[in-house]
Amino acid sequence: MISAGPTFRLLDCLTVIAIALLLLGATLSARQLAQSKQDIVHCAKNLQLLHAAYSTYTTIHGQPPRTRYEPGKPITAFTGASSPDPFGPAGPEVNDVSAAIYLLAREGNVEPDVFNCPAALRNGLAEQDTFESATARRRSNFGARIHFNYSFQDPYVPERSADPDLPLAADTNPGGQAILNATTQQALRELRMSNSPNHQRDGQNVLYFNGSVQFEPTPFVNKSTDNMYAPGGVHLVPEWLAGPDVTPKAVILRRGAFSIAMVVTTLLLILIVLRGRLRTAAEAKK
């Protein structure tokens, strides 16, 4: 006589599915965390390379990089990119903060990818500038913000600070009202929108004048009440022109997928518990 094989009840199938979803969610979460840590390390290396180029330029020219300067005029960014002369009248507008940093590409032989945070590239917030198939010295600026994902201390401030314990640069300034309203009294979750979008609002890499790089959870750095992204203090520029509410589509999709997986898993676990209780109650009546 051939015995029947094992039968799988609905409860068994639901249990297997729930466990699979839990393992999938844990795997995705661990993978994302590992990728985020790798991005932070790579981003810090970019900032250190920029610090080296910045220091070399300052030593050679006797002053930090900056293009045409006119006191009293507002700062600009990403102007005159196609001009071959960054200091000529047809070049970048006066007080162009991105053109000042582009001088490092012209004279420091800094590769295009160094100017972009790897997390921003991966999350769709940036694109690597190819210098339009021309050498860096044939241009005077980045063509758009997506090609330059960091912010530097405003090079056109008359009394510019070079304190080794103050920020020189960091992940891109998020801009927007959240920056202006940020205070040290806010909780970390409230300050998220004051963080750079490069690292999914978890914080930002900060390059100090002494060459060190630290990942900071808020824009209030060096135990100071000075917001490095807000006007009036160090003020790292340029700002994120779209404001702080822009979230990478890739981040939205990942968060959505993870949330759906957790909701489905929770529902399945509830069904398993309810089915188990009903089954126990039915057996007790027999």
C-alpha atoms as a PDB file:
ATOM      1  CA  MET A   1       0.000   0.000   0.000  1.00  0.00           C
ATOM      2  CA  ILE A   2       1.399   3.385  -0.990  1.00  0.00           C
ATOM      3  CA  SER A   3       1.238   5.905   1.825  1.00  0.00           C
ATOM      4  CA  ALA A   4       0.178   9.429   1.087  1.00  0.00           C
ATOM      5  CA  GLY A   5       2.926  12.029   1.161  1.00  0.00           C
ATOM      6  CA  PRO A   6       2.938  14.928   3.586  1.00  0.00           C
ATOM      7  CA  THR A   7       0.172  17.458   3.080  1.00  0.00           C
ATOM      8  CA  PHE A   8       0.756  21.185   3.316  1.00  0.00           C
ATOM      9  CA  ARG A   9      -2.013  23.145   4.942  1.00  0.00           C
ATOM     10  CA  LEU A  10      -2.726  26.825   4.300  1.00  0.00           C
ATOM     11  CA  LEU A  11      -1.199  27.672   7.660  1.00  0.00           C
ATOM     12  CA  ASP A  12       2.094  26.066   6.637  1.00  0.00           C
ATOM     13  CA  CYS A  13       2.158  27.999   3.361  1.00  0.00           C
ATOM     14  CA  LEU A  14       1.419  31.288   5.116  1.00  0.00           C
ATOM     15  CA  THR A  15       4.189  30.617   7.619  1.00  0.00           C
ATOM     16  CA  VAL A  16       6.717  29.941   4.855  1.00  0.00           C
ATOM     17  CA  ILE A  17       5.681  33.115   2.996  1.00  0.00           C
ATOM     18  CA  ALA A  18       5.923  35.233   6.152  1.00  0.00           C
ATOM     19  CA  ILE A  19       9.389  33.917   6.979  1.00  0.00           C
ATOM     20  CA  ALA A  20      10.517  34.480   3.387  1.00  0.00           C
ATOM     21  CA  LEU A  21       9.274  38.075   3.440  1.00  0.00           C
ATOM     22  CA  LEU A  22      10.955  38.739   6.778  1.00  0.00           C
ATOM     23  CA  LEU A  23      14.251  37.375   5.457  1.00  0.00           C
ATOM     24  CA  LEU A  24      13.870  39.431   2.265  1.00  0.00           C
ATOM     25  CA  GLY A  25      13.215  42.604   4.247  1.00  0.00           C
ATOM     26  CA  ALA A  26      16.195  41.941   6.522  1.00  0.00           C
ATOM     27  CA  THR A  27      18.437  41.233   3.512  1.00  0.00           C
ATOM     28  CA  LEU A  28      17.382  44.409   1.705  1.00  0.00           C
ATOM     29  CA  SER A  29      17.848  46.466   4.858  1.00  0.00           C
ATOM     30  CA  ALA A  30      21.332  45.038   5.495  1.00  0.00           C
ATOM     31  CA  ARG A  31      22.319  45.533   1.869  1.00  0.00           C
ATOM     32  CA  GLN A  32      21.150  49.145   1.871  1.00  0.00           C
ATOM     33  CA  LEU A  33      23.002  49.833   5.129  1.00  0.00           C
ATOM     34  CA  ALA A  34      26.233  48.349   3.733  1.00  0.00           C
ATOM     35  CA  GLN A  35      25.882  50.385   0.523  1.00  0.00           C
ATOM     36  CA  SER A  36      25.251  53.569   2.516  1.00  0.00           C
ATOM     37  CA  LYS A  37      28.381  53.019   4.598  1.00  0.00           C
ATOM     38  CA  GLN A  38      30.412  52.374   1.447  1.00  0.00           C
ATOM     39  CA  ASP A  39      29.060  55.581  -0.111  1.00  0.00           C
ATOM     40  CA  ILE A  40      30.021  57.587   2.983  1.00  0.00           C
ATOM     41  CA  VAL A  41      33.601  56.276   2.833  1.00  0.00           C
ATOM     42  CA  HIS A  42      33.891  56.971  -0.913  1.00  0.00           C
ATOM     43  CA  CYS A  43      32.374  60.439  -0.457  1.00  0.00           C
ATOM     44  CA  ALA A  44      34.893  61.234   2.293  1.00  0.00           C
ATOM     45  CA  LYS A  45      37.742  60.284  -0.049  1.00  0.00           C
ATOM     46  CA  ASN A  46      36.347  62.670  -2.679  1.00  0.00           C
ATOM     47  CA  LEU A  47      36.369  65.517  -0.184  1.00  0.00           C
ATOM     48  CA  GLN A  48      39.944  64.727   0.856  1.00  0.00           C
ATOM     49  CA  LEU A  49      41.028  64.816  -2.792  1.00  0.00           C
ATOM     50  CA  LEU A  50      39.320  68.179  -3.187  1.00  0.00           C
ATOM     51  CA  HIS A  51      41.086  69.428  -0.052  1.00  0.00           C
ATOM     52  CA  ALA A  52      44.449  68.433  -1.504  1.00  0.00           C
ATOM     53  CA  ALA A  53      43.678  70.224  -4.791  1.00  0.00           C
ATOM     54  CA  TYR A  54      42.358  73.256  -2.887  1.00  0.00           C
ATOM     55  CA  SER A  55      45.497  73.472  -0.755  1.00  0.00           C
ATOM     56  CA  THR A  56      47.772  73.124  -3.789  1.00  0.00           C
ATOM     57  CA  TYR A  57      45.920  75.864  -5.656  1.00  0.00           C
ATOM     58  CA  THR A  58      46.106  78.190  -2.622  1.00  0.00           C
ATOM     59  CA  THR A  59      49.846  77.593  -2.268  1.00  0.00           C
ATOM     60  CA  ILE A  60      50.563  78.231  -5.946  1.00  0.00           C
ATOM     61  CA  HIS A  61      48.371  81.319  -6.354  1.00  0.00           C
ATOM     62  CA  GLY A  62      48.722  82.796  -2.882  1.00  0.00           C
ATOM     63  CA  GLN A  63      44.946  82.809  -2.350  1.00  0.00           C
ATOM     64  CA  PRO A  64      42.026  80.353  -2.364  1.00  0.00           C
ATOM     65  CA  PRO A  65      40.331  79.662  -5.710  1.00  0.00           C
ATOM     66  CA  ARG A  66      37.848  82.249  -6.889  1.00  0.00           C
ATOM     67  CA  THR A  67      36.957  83.937 -10.163  1.00  0.00           C
ATOM     68  CA  ARG A  68      35.776  87.515 -10.736  1.00  0.00           C
ATOM     69  CA  TYR A  69      34.697  89.211  -7.510  1.00  0.00           C
ATOM     70  CA  GLU A  70      32.582  92.308  -7.019  1.00  0.00           C
ATOM     71  CA  PRO A  71      31.804  93.417  -3.443  1.00  0.00           C
ATOM     72  CA  GLY A  72      28.146  93.882  -2.631  1.00  0.00           C
ATOM     73  CA  LYS A  73      26.878  91.721  -5.474  1.00  0.00           C
ATOM     74  CA  PRO A  74      25.023  88.453  -4.664  1.00  0.00           C
ATOM     75  CA  ILE A  75      26.659  85.105  -5.258  1.00  0.00           C
ATOM     76  CA  THR A  76      25.861  83.155  -8.422  1.00  0.00           C
ATOM     77  CA  ALA A  77      26.547  79.619  -9.627  1.00  0.00           C
ATOM     78  CA  PHE A  78      26.866  77.545 -12.817  1.00  0.00           C
ATOM     79  CA  THR A  79      27.223  80.505 -15.195  1.00  0.00           C
ATOM     80  CA  GLY A  80      29.510  80.890 -18.210  1.00  0.00           C
ATOM     81  CA  ALA A  81      30.417  77.212 -18.395  1.00  0.00           C
ATOM     82  CA  SER A  82      31.328  77.234 -22.097  1.00  0.00           C
ATOM     83  CA  SER A  83      33.769  80.131 -21.881  1.00  0.00           C
ATOM     84  CA  PRO A  84      37.466  79.197 -22.086  1.00  0.00           C
ATOM     85  CA  ASP A  85      38.436  82.124 -19.800  1.00  0.00           C
ATOM     86  CA  PRO A  86      37.063  81.996 -16.242  1.00  0.00           C
ATOM     87  CA  PHE A  87      38.265  85.537 -15.534  1.00  0.00           C
ATOM     88  CA  GLY A  88      37.112  87.217 -18.755  1.00  0.00           C
ATOM     89  CA  PRO A  89      33.920  89.274 -19.290  1.00  0.00           C
ATOM     90  CA  ALA A  90      32.381  86.449 -21.342  1.00  0.00           C
ATOM     91  CA  GLY A  91      33.113  83.937 -18.592  1.00  0.00           C
ATOM     92  CA  PRO A  92      31.230  83.215 -15.367  1.00  0.00           C
ATOM     93  CA  GLU A  93      29.318  86.038 -13.747  1.00  0.00           C
ATOM     94  CA  VAL A  94      30.863  87.839 -10.787  1.00  0.00           C
ATOM     95  CA  ASN A  95      30.882  85.994  -7.464  1.00  0.00           C
ATOM     96  CA  ASP A  96      30.201  82.600  -9.067  1.00  0.00           C
ATOM     97  CA  VAL A  97      30.850  80.046  -6.311  1.00  0.00           C
ATOM     98  CA  SER A  98      30.813  76.940  -8.519  1.00  0.00           C
ATOM     99  CA  ALA A  99      33.250  78.534 -11.001  1.00  0.00           C
ATOM    100  CA  ALA A 100      35.664  79.084  -8.119  1.00  0.00           C
ATOM    101  CA  ILE A 101      35.744  75.350  -7.363  1.00  0.00           C
ATOM    102  CA  TYR A 102      35.870  74.470 -11.060  1.00  0.00           C
ATOM    103  CA  LEU A 103      39.313  76.075 -11.070  1.00  0.00           C
ATOM    104  CA  LEU A 104      40.472  72.918  -9.288  1.00  0.00           C
ATOM    105  CA  ALA A 105      39.405  70.903 -12.340  1.00  0.00           C
ATOM    106  CA  ARG A 106      41.191  73.324 -14.670  1.00  0.00           C
ATOM    107  CA  GLU A 107      44.458  73.409 -12.777  1.00  0.00           C
ATOM    108  CA  GLY A 108      44.421  70.562 -10.323  1.00  0.00           C
ATOM    109  CA  ASN A 109      43.726  67.660 -12.672  1.00  0.00           C
ATOM    110  CA  VAL A 110      40.809  66.546 -10.513  1.00  0.00           C
ATOM    111  CA  GLU A 111      38.705  63.877 -12.210  1.00  0.00           C
ATOM    112  CA  PRO A 112      35.017  64.704 -12.908  1.00  0.00           C
ATOM    113  CA  ASP A 113      33.647  62.003 -10.590  1.00  0.00           C
ATOM    114  CA  VAL A 114      35.428  63.539  -7.587  1.00  0.00           C
ATOM    115  CA  PHE A 115      33.017  66.485  -7.692  1.00  0.00           C
ATOM    116  CA  ASN A 116      29.978  64.246  -7.121  1.00  0.00           C
ATOM    117  CA  CYS A 117      28.958  62.293  -4.053  1.00  0.00           C
ATOM    118  CA  PRO A 118      28.671  58.578  -5.028  1.00  0.00           C
ATOM    119  CA  ALA A 119      25.395  58.284  -3.097  1.00  0.00           C
ATOM    120  CA  ALA A 120      23.944  61.173  -5.121  1.00  0.00           C
ATOM    121  CA  LEU A 121      25.055  59.469  -8.336  1.00  0.00           C
ATOM    122  CA  ARG A 122      23.484  56.168  -7.274  1.00  0.00           C
ATOM    123  CA  ASN A 123      20.213  57.772  -6.164  1.00  0.00           C
ATOM    124  CA  GLY A 124      19.683  59.827  -9.298  1.00  0.00           C
ATOM    125  CA  LEU A 125      20.570  63.215  -7.795  1.00  0.00           C
ATOM    126  CA  ALA A 126      23.699  63.710  -9.879  1.00  0.00           C
ATOM    127  CA  GLU A 127      25.341  62.954 -13.200  1.00  0.00           C
ATOM    128  CA  GLN A 128      29.048  62.797 -13.900  1.00  0.00           C
ATOM    129  CA  ASP A 129      30.262  65.743 -15.954  1.00  0.00           C
ATOM    130  CA  THR A 130      32.244  64.589 -18.999  1.00  0.00           C
ATOM    131  CA  PHE A 131      33.346  68.176 -19.723  1.00  0.00           C
ATOM    132  CA  GLU A 132      31.441  67.716 -23.007  1.00  0.00           C
ATOM    133  CA  SER A 133      34.264  65.647 -24.490  1.00  0.00           C
ATOM    134  CA  ALA A 134      36.585  68.660 -24.088  1.00  0.00           C
ATOM    135  CA  THR A 135      39.403  69.137 -21.636  1.00  0.00           C
ATOM    136  CA  ALA A 136      38.618  70.883 -18.377  1.00  0.00           C
ATOM    137  CA  ARG A 137      40.793  73.854 -19.375  1.00  0.00           C
ATOM    138  CA  ARG A 138      38.506  74.674 -22.318  1.00  0.00           C
ATOM    139  CA  ARG A 139      35.654  75.452 -19.948  1.00  0.00           C
ATOM    140  CA  SER A 140      35.118  77.734 -16.964  1.00  0.00           C
ATOM    141  CA  ASN A 141      32.391  76.124 -14.893  1.00  0.00           C
ATOM    142  CA  PHE A 142      30.146  73.132 -14.261  1.00  0.00           C
ATOM    143  CA  GLY A 143      27.162  73.113 -16.591  1.00  0.00           C
ATOM    144  CA  ALA A 144      24.591  72.383 -13.845  1.00  0.00           C
ATOM    145  CA  ARG A 145      24.221  71.543 -10.176  1.00  0.00           C
ATOM    146  CA  ILE A 146      23.902  67.836 -10.969  1.00  0.00           C
ATOM    147  CA  HIS A 147      27.591  67.903 -11.964  1.00  0.00           C
ATOM    148  CA  PHE A 148      28.768  69.352  -8.652  1.00  0.00           C
ATOM    149  CA  ASN A 149      27.277  67.779  -5.520  1.00  0.00           C
ATOM    150  CA  TYR A 150      29.305  69.477  -2.807  1.00  0.00           C
ATOM    151  CA  SER A 151      29.201  72.909  -1.182  1.00  0.00           C
ATOM    152  CA  PHE A 152      32.185  75.032  -0.143  1.00  0.00           C
ATOM    153  CA  GLN A 153      32.625  77.984   2.164  1.00  0.00           C
ATOM    154  CA  ASP A 154      31.659  81.124   0.244  1.00  0.00           C
ATOM    155  CA  PRO A 155      34.941  82.274  -1.380  1.00  0.00           C
ATOM    156  CA  TYR A 156      33.668  85.855  -1.794  1.00  0.00           C
ATOM    157  CA  VAL A 157      33.066  86.691   1.880  1.00  0.00           C
ATOM    158  CA  PRO A 158      35.407  89.623   2.755  1.00  0.00           C
ATOM    159  CA  GLU A 159      36.403  88.188   6.146  1.00  0.00           C
ATOM    160  CA  ARG A 160      36.516  84.538   5.244  1.00  0.00           C
ATOM    161  CA  SER A 161      37.417  82.175   8.069  1.00  0.00           C
ATOM    162  CA  ALA A 162      40.207  79.621   7.722  1.00  0.00           C
ATOM    163  CA  ASP A 163      39.935  78.229  11.254  1.00  0.00           C
ATOM    164  CA  PRO A 164      41.204  74.611  11.012  1.00  0.00           C
ATOM    165  CA  ASP A 165      38.267  73.440  13.155  1.00  0.00           C
ATOM    166  CA  LEU A 166      35.605  75.004  10.912  1.00  0.00           C
ATOM    167  CA  PRO A 167      34.015  73.426   7.816  1.00  0.00           C
ATOM    168  CA  LEU A 168      35.561  74.129   4.439  1.00  0.00           C
ATOM    169  CA  ALA A 169      33.140  71.949   2.453  1.00  0.00           C
ATOM    170  CA  ALA A 170      30.435  69.298   2.829  1.00  0.00           C
ATOM    171  CA  ASP A 171      27.770  67.401   0.945  1.00  0.00           C
ATOM    172  CA  THR A 172      25.533  69.755  -1.012  1.00  0.00           C
ATOM    173  CA  ASN A 173      23.646  72.429   0.920  1.00  0.00           C
ATOM    174  CA  PRO A 174      19.921  71.444   0.877  1.00  0.00           C
ATOM    175  CA  GLY A 175      18.699  75.049   1.015  1.00  0.00           C
ATOM    176  CA  GLY A 176      15.041  75.827   1.651  1.00  0.00           C
ATOM    177  CA  GLN A 177      13.049  76.972   4.653  1.00  0.00           C
ATOM    178  CA  ALA A 178      14.032  74.014   6.840  1.00  0.00           C
ATOM    179  CA  ILE A 179      17.607  75.298   6.952  1.00  0.00           C
ATOM    180  CA  LEU A 180      16.484  78.754   8.051  1.00  0.00           C
ATOM    181  CA  ASN A 181      14.251  77.301  10.786  1.00  0.00           C
ATOM    182  CA  ALA A 182      16.713  74.695  12.093  1.00  0.00           C
ATOM    183  CA  THR A 183      17.830  74.997  15.722  1.00  0.00           C
ATOM    184  CA  THR A 184      19.960  72.905  18.059  1.00  0.00           C
ATOM    185  CA  GLN A 185      16.852  72.328  20.177  1.00  0.00           C
ATOM    186  CA  GLN A 186      15.188  70.207  17.493  1.00  0.00           C
ATOM    187  CA  ALA A 187      15.268  66.423  17.654  1.00  0.00           C
ATOM    188  CA  LEU A 188      17.340  64.542  15.069  1.00  0.00           C
ATOM    189  CA  ARG A 189      14.213  63.408  13.213  1.00  0.00           C
ATOM    190  CA  GLU A 190      13.123  67.061  12.934  1.00  0.00           C
ATOM    191  CA  LEU A 191      16.539  68.085  11.618  1.00  0.00           C
ATOM    192  CA  ARG A 192      16.559  65.471   8.847  1.00  0.00           C
ATOM    193  CA  MET A 193      15.214  67.954   6.307  1.00  0.00           C
ATOM    194  CA  SER A 194      18.105  70.264   7.200  1.00  0.00           C
ATOM    195  CA  ASN A 195      20.586  67.575   6.138  1.00  0.00           C
ATOM    196  CA  SER A 196      22.009  67.177   2.659  1.00  0.00           C
ATOM    197  CA  PRO A 197      19.920  64.999   0.305  1.00  0.00           C
ATOM    198  CA  ASN A 198      23.091  63.220  -0.843  1.00  0.00           C
ATOM    199  CA  HIS A 199      22.930  60.574   1.899  1.00  0.00           C
ATOM    200  CA  GLN A 200      19.147  60.242   2.128  1.00  0.00           C
ATOM    201  CA  ARG A 201      18.962  62.950   4.837  1.00  0.00           C
ATOM    202  CA  ASP A 202      20.833  60.772   7.356  1.00  0.00           C
ATOM    203  CA  GLY A 203      23.623  63.350   7.632  1.00  0.00           C
ATOM    204  CA  GLN A 204      26.539  64.667   5.609  1.00  0.00           C
ATOM    205  CA  ASN A 205      30.271  64.327   5.238  1.00  0.00           C
ATOM    206  CA  VAL A 206      31.982  67.519   6.386  1.00  0.00           C
ATOM    207  CA  LEU A 207      35.483  68.518   5.291  1.00  0.00           C
ATOM    208  CA  TYR A 208      37.290  70.737   7.795  1.00  0.00           C
ATOM    209  CA  PHE A 209      40.077  73.181   7.003  1.00  0.00           C
ATOM    210  CA  ASN A 210      42.537  70.861   8.762  1.00  0.00           C
ATOM    211  CA  GLY A 211      41.839  68.193   6.116  1.00  0.00           C
ATOM    212  CA  SER A 212      39.811  65.832   8.291  1.00  0.00           C
ATOM    213  CA  VAL A 213      36.392  64.530   7.214  1.00  0.00           C
ATOM    214  CA  GLN A 214      33.611  63.571   9.598  1.00  0.00           C
ATOM    215  CA  PHE A 215      30.083  62.320   8.952  1.00  0.00           C
ATOM    216  CA  GLU A 216      27.831  64.666  10.920  1.00  0.00           C
ATOM    217  CA  PRO A 217      24.149  63.895  11.747  1.00  0.00           C
ATOM    218  CA  THR A 218      23.114  67.584  11.682  1.00  0.00           C
ATOM    219  CA  PRO A 219      24.337  70.830  10.065  1.00  0.00           C
ATOM    220  CA  PHE A 220      25.387  72.081  13.511  1.00  0.00           C
ATOM    221  CA  VAL A 221      28.997  70.931  13.580  1.00  0.00           C
ATOM    222  CA  ASN A 222      32.058  71.252  15.780  1.00  0.00           C
ATOM    223  CA  LYS A 223      29.866  71.625  18.895  1.00  0.00           C
ATOM    224  CA  SER A 224      28.751  74.996  17.577  1.00  0.00           C
ATOM    225  CA  THR A 225      25.378  76.703  17.332  1.00  0.00           C
ATOM    226  CA  ASP A 226      26.370  77.852  13.857  1.00  0.00           C
ATOM    227  CA  ASN A 227      24.415  76.150  11.090  1.00  0.00           C
ATOM    228  CA  MET A 228      27.004  75.613   8.349  1.00  0.00           C
ATOM    229  CA  TYR A 229      24.306  75.653   5.659  1.00  0.00           C
ATOM    230  CA  ALA A 230      22.557  78.867   6.765  1.00  0.00           C
ATOM    231  CA  PRO A 231      23.526  82.432   5.749  1.00  0.00           C
ATOM    232  CA  GLY A 232      25.300  84.508   8.345  1.00  0.00           C
ATOM    233  CA  GLY A 233      27.813  81.912   9.492  1.00  0.00           C
ATOM    234  CA  VAL A 234      30.215  79.672   7.599  1.00  0.00           C
ATOM    235  CA  HIS A 235      27.541  79.291   4.882  1.00  0.00           C
ATOM    236  CA  LEU A 236      28.545  76.516   2.506  1.00  0.00           C
ATOM    237  CA  VAL A 237      27.390  77.222  -1.050  1.00  0.00           C
ATOM    238  CA  PRO A 238      25.877  76.718  -3.588  1.00  0.00           C
ATOM    239  CA  GLU A 239      22.520  75.694  -2.210  1.00  0.00           C
ATOM    240  CA  TRP A 240      20.200  73.024  -3.545  1.00  0.00           C
ATOM    241  CA  LEU A 241      18.004  75.215  -5.730  1.00  0.00           C
ATOM    242  CA  ALA A 242      15.011  72.843  -5.695  1.00  0.00           C
ATOM    243  CA  GLY A 243      14.679  73.123  -1.919  1.00  0.00           C
ATOM    244  CA  PRO A 244      14.687  70.396   0.745  1.00  0.00           C
ATOM    245  CA  ASP A 245      11.587  68.445  -0.304  1.00  0.00           C
ATOM    246  CA  VAL A 246      13.222  66.692  -3.251  1.00  0.00           C
ATOM    247  CA  THR A 247      13.679  62.975  -2.569  1.00  0.00           C
ATOM    248  CA  PRO A 248      15.439  60.623  -4.995  1.00  0.00           C
ATOM    249  CA  LYS A 249      13.051  58.345  -6.877  1.00  0.00           C
ATOM    250  CA  ALA A 250      15.305  55.373  -6.149  1.00  0.00           C
ATOM    251  CA  VAL A 251      15.013  56.075  -2.427  1.00  0.00           C
ATOM    252  CA  ILE A 252      11.229  56.356  -2.644  1.00  0.00           C
ATOM    253  CA  LEU A 253      10.999  53.014  -4.462  1.00  0.00           C
ATOM    254  CA  ARG A 254      13.229  51.244  -1.938  1.00  0.00           C
ATOM    255  CA  ARG A 255      11.331  52.655   1.010  1.00  0.00           C
ATOM    256  CA  GLY A 256       8.007  51.771  -0.631  1.00  0.00           C
ATOM    257  CA  ALA A 257       9.059  48.204  -1.379  1.00  0.00           C
ATOM    258  CA  PHE A 258      10.337  47.704   2.160  1.00  0.00           C
ATOM    259  CA  SER A 259       7.147  49.184   3.673  1.00  0.00           C
ATOM    260  CA  ILE A 260       4.922  46.966   1.512  1.00  0.00           C
ATOM    261  CA  ALA A 261       6.936  43.884   2.469  1.00  0.00           C
ATOM    262  CA  MET A 262       6.614  44.695   6.172  1.00  0.00           C
ATOM    263  CA  VAL A 263       2.851  45.351   5.918  1.00  0.00           C
ATOM    264  CA  VAL A 264       2.238  42.103   4.015  1.00  0.00           C
ATOM    265  CA  THR A 265       4.385  40.186   6.504  1.00  0.00           C
ATOM    266  CA  THR A 266       2.477  41.664   9.444  1.00  0.00           C
ATOM    267  CA  LEU A 267      -0.870  40.759   7.889  1.00  0.00           C
ATOM    268  CA  LEU A 268       0.289  37.218   7.217  1.00  0.00           C
ATOM    269  CA  LEU A 269       1.474  36.823  10.796  1.00  0.00           C
ATOM    270  CA  ILE A 270      -1.893  38.073  12.056  1.00  0.00           C
ATOM    271  CA  LEU A 271      -3.657  35.563   9.831  1.00  0.00           C
ATOM    272  CA  ILE A 272      -1.410  32.775  11.109  1.00  0.00           C
ATOM    273  CA  VAL A 273      -2.143  33.657  14.733  1.00  0.00           C
ATOM    274  CA  LEU A 274      -5.891  33.947  14.133  1.00  0.00           C
ATOM    275  CA  ARG A 275      -5.997  30.677  12.212  1.00  0.00           C
ATOM    276  CA  GLY A 276      -4.047  28.961  14.957  1.00  0.00           C
ATOM    277  CA  ARG A 277      -6.452  30.206  17.634  1.00  0.00           C
ATOM    278  CA  LEU A 278      -9.503  29.191  15.624  1.00  0.00           C
ATOM    279  CA  ARG A 279      -8.040  25.770  15.077  1.00  0.00           C
ATOM    280  CA  THR A 280      -7.263  25.374  18.755  1.00  0.00           C
ATOM    281  CA  ALA A 281     -10.785  26.437  19.671  1.00  0.00           C
ATOM    282  CA  ALA A 282     -12.254  23.965  17.152  1.00  0.00           C
ATOM    283  CA  GLU A 283     -10.170  21.103  18.514  1.00  0.00           C
ATOM    284  CA  ALA A 284     -11.162  21.971  22.062  1.00  0.00           C
ATOM    285  CA  LYS A 285     -14.840  21.565  21.143  1.00  0.00           C
ATOM    286  CA  LYS A 286     -14.283  18.047  19.810  1.00  0.00           C
END
